[in-house]
Amino acid sequence: MGYQSESVWKYVSDAASDNPTPGGGSVSALAGALAASMSEMAANFTVGKDKYKDVEEEVSRALSELKRIRQKLLALMEADIEAYSDVDEAMKMPRETEEQEQERGEKLEEALQQAAKVPLNIMRQCRKAAALTEQLSRIANPNLVTDVGVAAEVCGAASKAAKLNVEVNLKYMDDDEVRERLESEMNLLDEETEESCRHAAEEVRERFEK
């Protein structure tokens, strides 16, 4: 379970230390999981209430999906730590001969691709969470509307933060085809998540100010 079974204090303390992990990608995943949890809470305060019976089925589906997203993001919080370790190991490989240089280059390229794919997957999960948060911003229990707003703001920030971690790994990759493919998906995810989070925040503000 890694950090999932540790205290918040330990995670934050380790993130603040001079150890390289947990780093930005891991923190982005945790932020995304926290965003999903806020939308989950709003959904939990909606299902089972007679007042919101007409949207119960829709909210229940969103609740189930948000739970899966939260769990995936927590797993990605751990996966990013492993991905960074693989890059670090590849960087430290010897390069005194041509064979060593070639082997190091292949291992590093493989590690960089994986290290880019983990935060890209974080962005995928954030996009899903953002879409569900936008949905809940319109129909969830209005007493929890500010929590949905928090979900929108944190989810958007988590996705942007994960994007930085995709970009830094793309920068050092040699495979142009893979880099272009990952970059294209990254930009699309960024755009879609930002749009959903903006719409959710606007809806929350309207409901909040009524």
Protein backbone atom coordinates (compact mmCIF):
# COMPACT_ATOMS: atom_id res chain seq x y z
CA MET A 1 0.00 0.00 0.00
CA GLY A 2 2.95 2.36 0.46
CA TYR A 3 1.88 5.87 1.40
CA GLN A 4 -1.79 4.90 1.28
CA SER A 5 -1.31 3.15 4.61
CA GLU A 6 0.79 5.95 6.12
CA SER A 7 -0.30 9.14 7.84
CA VAL A 8 -0.87 12.42 6.03
CA TRP A 9 1.86 13.88 8.24
CA LYS A 10 4.44 11.38 6.95
CA TYR A 11 3.54 11.93 3.31
CA VAL A 12 3.73 15.71 3.58
CA SER A 13 6.93 15.55 5.62
CA ASP A 14 8.57 13.27 3.04
CA ALA A 15 7.39 15.51 0.22
CA ALA A 16 8.98 18.48 2.01
CA SER A 17 12.29 16.69 2.65
CA ASP A 18 15.44 16.56 0.54
CA ASN A 19 14.40 13.14 -0.78
CA PRO A 20 13.38 13.22 -4.47
CA THR A 21 10.13 11.37 -3.79
CA PRO A 22 7.25 11.85 -3.36
CA GLY A 23 7.52 14.58 -5.97
CA GLY A 24 5.28 16.66 -8.18
CA GLY A 25 3.58 13.85 -10.05
CA SER A 26 2.69 12.00 -6.88
CA VAL A 27 1.41 15.19 -5.25
CA SER A 28 -0.68 15.91 -8.36
CA ALA A 29 -2.32 12.48 -8.07
CA LEU A 30 -3.07 13.01 -4.40
CA ALA A 31 -4.60 16.41 -5.17
CA GLY A 32 -6.78 14.78 -7.82
CA ALA A 33 -7.90 12.13 -5.33
CA LEU A 34 -8.82 14.84 -2.83
CA ALA A 35 -10.82 16.64 -5.52
CA ALA A 36 -12.71 13.44 -6.33
CA SER A 37 -13.40 12.92 -2.62
CA MET A 38 -15.12 16.31 -2.37
CA SER A 39 -17.42 15.46 -5.26
CA GLU A 40 -18.05 12.08 -3.67
CA MET A 41 -19.07 13.75 -0.43
CA ALA A 42 -21.56 15.96 -2.25
CA ALA A 43 -22.97 12.88 -3.97
CA ASN A 44 -23.21 11.00 -0.67
CA PHE A 45 -25.24 13.85 0.80
CA THR A 46 -27.59 13.64 -2.20
CA VAL A 47 -28.35 9.94 -2.62
CA GLY A 48 -30.96 8.47 -0.30
CA LYS A 49 -32.67 11.82 0.24
CA ASP A 50 -36.32 12.03 -0.78
CA LYS A 51 -35.81 15.62 -1.82
CA TYR A 52 -33.38 14.53 -4.57
CA LYS A 53 -35.13 11.32 -5.61
CA ASP A 54 -35.42 12.47 -9.21
CA VAL A 55 -31.63 12.61 -9.61
CA GLU A 56 -30.70 9.70 -7.35
CA GLU A 57 -29.90 7.25 -10.14
CA GLU A 58 -27.70 9.78 -11.94
CA VAL A 59 -25.89 10.79 -8.76
CA SER A 60 -25.43 7.16 -7.71
CA ARG A 61 -23.68 6.38 -10.99
CA ALA A 62 -21.45 9.41 -10.55
CA LEU A 63 -20.67 8.34 -6.99
CA SER A 64 -19.55 4.88 -8.06
CA GLU A 65 -17.34 6.27 -10.81
CA LEU A 66 -15.80 8.88 -8.53
CA LYS A 67 -14.85 6.19 -6.04
CA ARG A 68 -13.05 4.28 -8.79
CA ILE A 69 -11.28 7.46 -9.94
CA ARG A 70 -10.17 8.26 -6.39
CA GLN A 71 -8.74 4.77 -5.96
CA LYS A 72 -6.92 4.95 -9.30
CA LEU A 73 -5.42 8.31 -8.42
CA LEU A 74 -4.16 7.00 -5.10
CA ALA A 75 -2.54 4.10 -6.97
CA LEU A 76 -0.98 6.61 -9.37
CA MET A 77 0.34 8.55 -6.38
CA GLU A 78 2.48 5.46 -5.69
CA ALA A 79 3.20 4.68 -9.35
CA ASP A 80 4.76 8.08 -9.93
CA ILE A 81 7.28 7.43 -7.17
CA GLU A 82 8.27 4.15 -8.83
CA ALA A 83 8.49 5.79 -12.26
CA TYR A 84 10.84 8.47 -10.99
CA SER A 85 13.03 5.83 -9.33
CA ASP A 86 13.40 4.04 -12.65
CA VAL A 87 14.51 7.25 -14.38
CA ASP A 88 16.97 7.95 -11.58
CA GLU A 89 18.44 4.44 -11.87
CA ALA A 90 18.82 4.79 -15.64
CA MET A 91 20.55 8.14 -15.24
CA LYS A 92 23.12 6.56 -12.93
CA MET A 93 24.05 3.74 -15.33
CA PRO A 94 27.66 3.73 -16.53
CA ARG A 95 28.45 5.29 -19.89
CA GLU A 96 32.18 4.69 -20.32
CA THR A 97 31.89 2.51 -23.44
CA GLU A 98 29.71 2.66 -26.53
CA GLU A 99 27.80 -0.43 -25.37
CA GLN A 100 27.18 1.10 -21.96
CA GLU A 101 26.12 4.36 -23.57
CA GLN A 102 23.66 2.55 -25.82
CA GLU A 103 22.25 0.43 -23.00
CA ARG A 104 21.87 3.50 -20.79
CA GLY A 105 20.12 5.41 -23.59
CA GLU A 106 17.63 2.59 -24.17
CA LYS A 107 16.87 2.19 -20.47
CA LEU A 108 16.51 5.93 -20.00
CA GLU A 109 14.17 6.29 -22.96
CA GLU A 110 12.01 3.47 -21.64
CA ALA A 111 11.96 5.00 -18.16
CA LEU A 112 11.16 8.48 -19.48
CA GLN A 113 8.24 7.17 -21.51
CA GLN A 114 6.80 5.44 -18.46
CA ALA A 115 7.47 8.51 -16.31
CA ALA A 116 5.46 10.58 -18.81
CA LYS A 117 2.63 8.08 -19.03
CA VAL A 118 1.96 8.08 -15.27
CA PRO A 119 1.13 11.81 -14.99
CA LEU A 120 -0.71 11.54 -18.31
CA ASN A 121 -2.89 8.90 -16.67
CA ILE A 122 -3.36 11.26 -13.74
CA MET A 123 -4.66 13.80 -16.24
CA ARG A 124 -7.04 11.20 -17.68
CA GLN A 125 -8.50 10.52 -14.25
CA CYS A 126 -8.76 14.24 -13.52
CA ARG A 127 -10.66 14.75 -16.76
CA LYS A 128 -13.18 12.10 -15.71
CA ALA A 129 -13.47 13.60 -12.24
CA ALA A 130 -13.93 17.08 -13.73
CA ALA A 131 -16.78 15.92 -15.97
CA LEU A 132 -18.55 14.29 -13.03
CA THR A 133 -17.96 17.35 -10.88
CA GLU A 134 -19.53 19.51 -13.58
CA GLN A 135 -22.51 17.16 -13.61
CA LEU A 136 -22.87 17.30 -9.83
CA SER A 137 -22.53 21.06 -9.77
CA ARG A 138 -25.99 21.21 -11.34
CA ILE A 139 -27.82 18.49 -9.41
CA ALA A 140 -26.12 17.71 -6.11
CA ASN A 141 -27.48 18.76 -2.74
CA PRO A 142 -27.10 22.58 -2.71
CA ASN A 143 -25.91 22.47 0.89
CA LEU A 144 -22.72 20.87 -0.45
CA VAL A 145 -22.31 23.23 -3.39
CA THR A 146 -19.11 24.82 -2.08
CA ASP A 147 -17.55 21.38 -1.70
CA VAL A 148 -18.29 20.75 -5.37
CA GLY A 149 -16.63 24.09 -6.05
CA VAL A 150 -13.55 22.99 -4.13
CA ALA A 151 -13.52 19.78 -6.17
CA ALA A 152 -13.59 21.79 -9.40
CA GLU A 153 -10.79 24.12 -8.37
CA VAL A 154 -8.53 21.39 -6.96
CA CYS A 155 -9.19 19.03 -9.87
CA GLY A 156 -8.20 21.71 -12.36
CA ALA A 157 -5.02 22.47 -10.42
CA ALA A 158 -4.16 18.77 -10.13
CA SER A 159 -4.47 18.31 -13.88
CA LYS A 160 -2.32 21.36 -14.62
CA ALA A 161 0.29 20.13 -12.14
CA ALA A 162 0.32 16.67 -13.72
CA LYS A 163 0.74 18.29 -17.13
CA LEU A 164 4.01 19.85 -15.97
CA ASN A 165 5.27 16.39 -15.11
CA VAL A 166 4.31 15.04 -18.52
CA GLU A 167 6.07 17.94 -20.22
CA VAL A 168 9.36 17.60 -18.35
CA ASN A 169 9.65 13.94 -19.35
CA LEU A 170 8.65 14.62 -22.96
CA LYS A 171 11.47 17.16 -23.16
CA TYR A 172 14.16 14.51 -22.75
CA MET A 173 12.61 11.72 -24.84
CA ASP A 174 14.24 10.73 -28.14
CA ASP A 175 11.28 8.97 -29.78
CA ASP A 176 9.57 11.75 -31.73
CA GLU A 177 6.54 9.64 -32.62
CA VAL A 178 5.80 8.68 -29.02
CA ARG A 179 6.48 12.21 -27.80
CA GLU A 180 4.10 13.76 -30.32
CA ARG A 181 1.38 11.24 -29.51
CA LEU A 182 1.63 11.81 -25.77
CA GLU A 183 1.83 15.57 -26.21
CA SER A 184 -1.30 15.60 -28.36
CA GLU A 185 -3.30 13.68 -25.78
CA MET A 186 -1.89 15.82 -22.97
CA ASN A 187 -3.07 19.03 -24.63
CA LEU A 188 -6.53 17.63 -25.32
CA LEU A 189 -6.92 16.43 -21.73
CA ASP A 190 -5.76 19.81 -20.45
CA GLU A 191 -8.32 21.64 -22.57
CA GLU A 192 -11.24 19.36 -21.70
CA THR A 193 -10.50 19.32 -17.97
CA GLU A 194 -10.09 23.08 -17.82
CA GLU A 195 -13.42 23.56 -19.58
CA SER A 196 -15.32 21.19 -17.27
CA CYS A 197 -13.79 22.73 -14.15
CA ARG A 198 -14.62 26.23 -15.35
CA HIS A 199 -18.22 25.31 -16.07
CA ALA A 200 -18.54 23.56 -12.71
CA ALA A 201 -17.11 26.57 -10.86
CA GLU A 202 -19.47 28.91 -12.68
CA GLU A 203 -22.47 26.73 -11.85
CA VAL A 204 -21.40 26.52 -8.21
CA ARG A 205 -21.10 30.29 -8.01
CA GLU A 206 -24.58 30.75 -9.47
CA ARG A 207 -26.14 28.28 -7.04
CA PHE A 208 -24.14 29.69 -4.14
CA GLU A 209 -25.29 33.22 -4.79
CA LYS A 210 -29.00 32.40 -5.10
